[in-house]
C-alpha atoms as a PDB file:
ATOM      1  CA  UNK A   1      -2.001   7.620 -24.758  1.00  0.00           C
ATOM      2  CA  UNK A   2       1.179   7.114 -23.294  1.00  0.00           C
ATOM      3  CA  UNK A   3       3.712   4.841 -23.540  1.00  0.00           C
ATOM      4  CA  UNK A   4       3.542   1.987 -19.992  1.00  0.00           C
ATOM      5  CA  UNK A   5       6.844   0.417 -18.927  1.00  0.00           C
ATOM      6  CA  UNK A   6       6.824  -1.647 -15.491  1.00  0.00           C
ATOM      7  CA  UNK A   7      10.195  -2.165 -13.687  1.00  0.00           C
ATOM      8  CA  UNK A   8      11.528  -5.707 -12.717  1.00  0.00           C
ATOM      9  CA  UNK A   9      10.635  -4.330  -8.930  1.00  0.00           C
ATOM     10  CA  UNK A  10       7.070  -3.928 -10.447  1.00  0.00           C
ATOM     11  CA  UNK A  11       6.437  -6.593 -12.380  1.00  0.00           C
ATOM     12  CA  UNK A  12       7.343  -8.946  -9.100  1.00  0.00           C
ATOM     13  CA  UNK A  13       5.411  -6.666  -7.182  1.00  0.00           C
ATOM     14  CA  UNK A  14       2.464  -7.123  -9.671  1.00  0.00           C
ATOM     15  CA  UNK A  15       3.091 -11.197  -9.778  1.00  0.00           C
ATOM     16  CA  UNK A  16       4.188 -11.159  -5.885  1.00  0.00           C
ATOM     17  CA  UNK A  17       0.584  -8.889  -4.902  1.00  0.00           C
ATOM     18  CA  UNK A  18      -2.011 -10.977  -7.756  1.00  0.00           C
ATOM     19  CA  UNK A  19      -2.174  -7.572  -9.410  1.00  0.00           C
ATOM     20  CA  UNK A  20      -3.128  -7.869 -13.184  1.00  0.00           C
ATOM     21  CA  UNK A  21      -1.502  -5.431 -15.652  1.00  0.00           C
ATOM     22  CA  UNK A  22      -5.069  -4.265 -16.425  1.00  0.00           C
ATOM     23  CA  UNK A  23      -5.915  -3.182 -13.234  1.00  0.00           C
ATOM     24  CA  UNK A  24      -2.937  -1.596 -13.385  1.00  0.00           C
ATOM     25  CA  UNK A  25      -3.156   0.028 -16.350  1.00  0.00           C
ATOM     26  CA  UNK A  26      -7.074   0.975 -15.767  1.00  0.00           C
ATOM     27  CA  UNK A  27      -6.011   3.108 -12.950  1.00  0.00           C
ATOM     28  CA  UNK A  28      -3.303   5.225 -14.036  1.00  0.00           C
ATOM     29  CA  UNK A  29      -5.798   6.000 -17.730  1.00  0.00           C
ATOM     30  CA  UNK A  30      -8.480   6.367 -15.017  1.00  0.00           C
ATOM     31  CA  UNK A  31      -7.541   6.883 -11.284  1.00  0.00           C
ATOM     32  CA  UNK A  32     -10.267   8.388  -8.704  1.00  0.00           C
ATOM     33  CA  UNK A  33      -7.564   9.765  -7.103  1.00  0.00           C
ATOM     34  CA  UNK A  34      -4.235  11.422  -8.204  1.00  0.00           C
ATOM     35  CA  UNK A  35      -1.395  12.737  -5.634  1.00  0.00           C
ATOM     36  CA  UNK A  36       1.984  14.069  -7.225  1.00  0.00           C
ATOM     37  CA  UNK A  37       4.969  14.366  -5.131  1.00  0.00           C
ATOM     38  CA  UNK A  38       7.689  16.572  -7.459  1.00  0.00           C
ATOM     39  CA  UNK A  39       8.983  13.975 -10.780  1.00  0.00           C
ATOM     40  CA  UNK A  40       6.877  10.516  -8.970  1.00  0.00           C
ATOM     41  CA  UNK A  41       2.588  10.385  -8.592  1.00  0.00           C
ATOM     42  CA  UNK A  42       0.857   8.071  -6.828  1.00  0.00           C
ATOM     43  CA  UNK A  43      -2.495   7.282  -8.666  1.00  0.00           C
ATOM     44  CA  UNK A  44      -5.683   5.541  -6.455  1.00  0.00           C
ATOM     45  CA  UNK A  45      -8.802   3.451  -7.722  1.00  0.00           C
ATOM     46  CA  UNK A  46     -11.137   2.472  -5.287  1.00  0.00           C
ATOM     47  CA  UNK A  47     -11.521  -1.328  -5.004  1.00  0.00           C
ATOM     48  CA  UNK A  48     -15.064  -2.370  -3.966  1.00  0.00           C
ATOM     49  CA  UNK A  49     -13.933  -1.574   0.619  1.00  0.00           C
ATOM     50  CA  UNK A  50     -10.258  -1.709  -0.896  1.00  0.00           C
ATOM     51  CA  UNK A  51      -8.473   0.309  -3.125  1.00  0.00           C
ATOM     52  CA  UNK A  52      -5.716   0.148  -5.409  1.00  0.00           C
ATOM     53  CA  UNK A  53      -2.472   1.835  -5.223  1.00  0.00           C
ATOM     54  CA  UNK A  54      -0.088   2.769  -8.533  1.00  0.00           C
ATOM     55  CA  UNK A  55       3.108   4.970  -8.628  1.00  0.00           C
ATOM     56  CA  UNK A  56       4.688   5.717 -11.549  1.00  0.00           C
ATOM     57  CA  UNK A  57       7.274   8.608 -12.239  1.00  0.00           C
ATOM     58  CA  UNK A  58       6.434  10.152 -16.388  1.00  0.00           C
ATOM     59  CA  UNK A  59      10.558  10.244 -18.630  1.00  0.00           C
ATOM     60  CA  UNK A  60       9.600  11.826 -21.464  1.00  0.00           C
ATOM     61  CA  UNK A  61       6.551  11.010 -22.732  1.00  0.00           C
ATOM     62  CA  UNK A  62       6.526   7.232 -20.859  1.00  0.00           C
ATOM     63  CA  UNK A  63       4.593   5.834 -18.298  1.00  0.00           C
ATOM     64  CA  UNK A  64       7.424   3.920 -15.406  1.00  0.00           C
ATOM     65  CA  UNK A  65       5.242   2.070 -13.230  1.00  0.00           C
ATOM     66  CA  UNK A  66       7.492   1.834  -9.813  1.00  0.00           C
ATOM     67  CA  UNK A  67       5.450  -0.555  -7.893  1.00  0.00           C
ATOM     68  CA  UNK A  68       1.193  -0.868  -6.732  1.00  0.00           C
ATOM     69  CA  UNK A  69      -0.102  -2.414  -3.819  1.00  0.00           C
ATOM     70  CA  UNK A  70      -3.443  -2.650  -2.917  1.00  0.00           C
ATOM     71  CA  UNK A  71      -4.742  -2.057   0.118  1.00  0.00           C
ATOM     72  CA  UNK A  72      -7.850  -1.290   2.909  1.00  0.00           C
ATOM     73  CA  UNK A  73      -6.972   1.669   4.050  1.00  0.00           C
ATOM     74  CA  UNK A  74      -9.242   3.361   1.778  1.00  0.00           C
ATOM     75  CA  UNK A  75      -9.496   6.463   4.675  1.00  0.00           C
ATOM     76  CA  UNK A  76      -5.775   7.156   4.654  1.00  0.00           C
ATOM     77  CA  UNK A  77      -6.534   8.093   0.875  1.00  0.00           C
ATOM     78  CA  UNK A  78     -10.366   9.616   0.658  1.00  0.00           C
ATOM     79  CA  UNK A  79     -10.926  11.546   3.614  1.00  0.00           C
END
């Protein structure tokens, strides 16, 4: 598994949004959906009636977490 690094922005958002690193890493390792946009990846994991979205960038052999959020817009990601 690649090394996971969090940006300061990501750490602030995780704390603000009460999202654990364990949840983020689980989403990155086993996502329900992966959306690739050039060098930026968006992974989505179902959480009951909500979804966790993690946005990261691959740099060499590292995963740089940019941000993460939980949303109730499940249909947006799973049509």
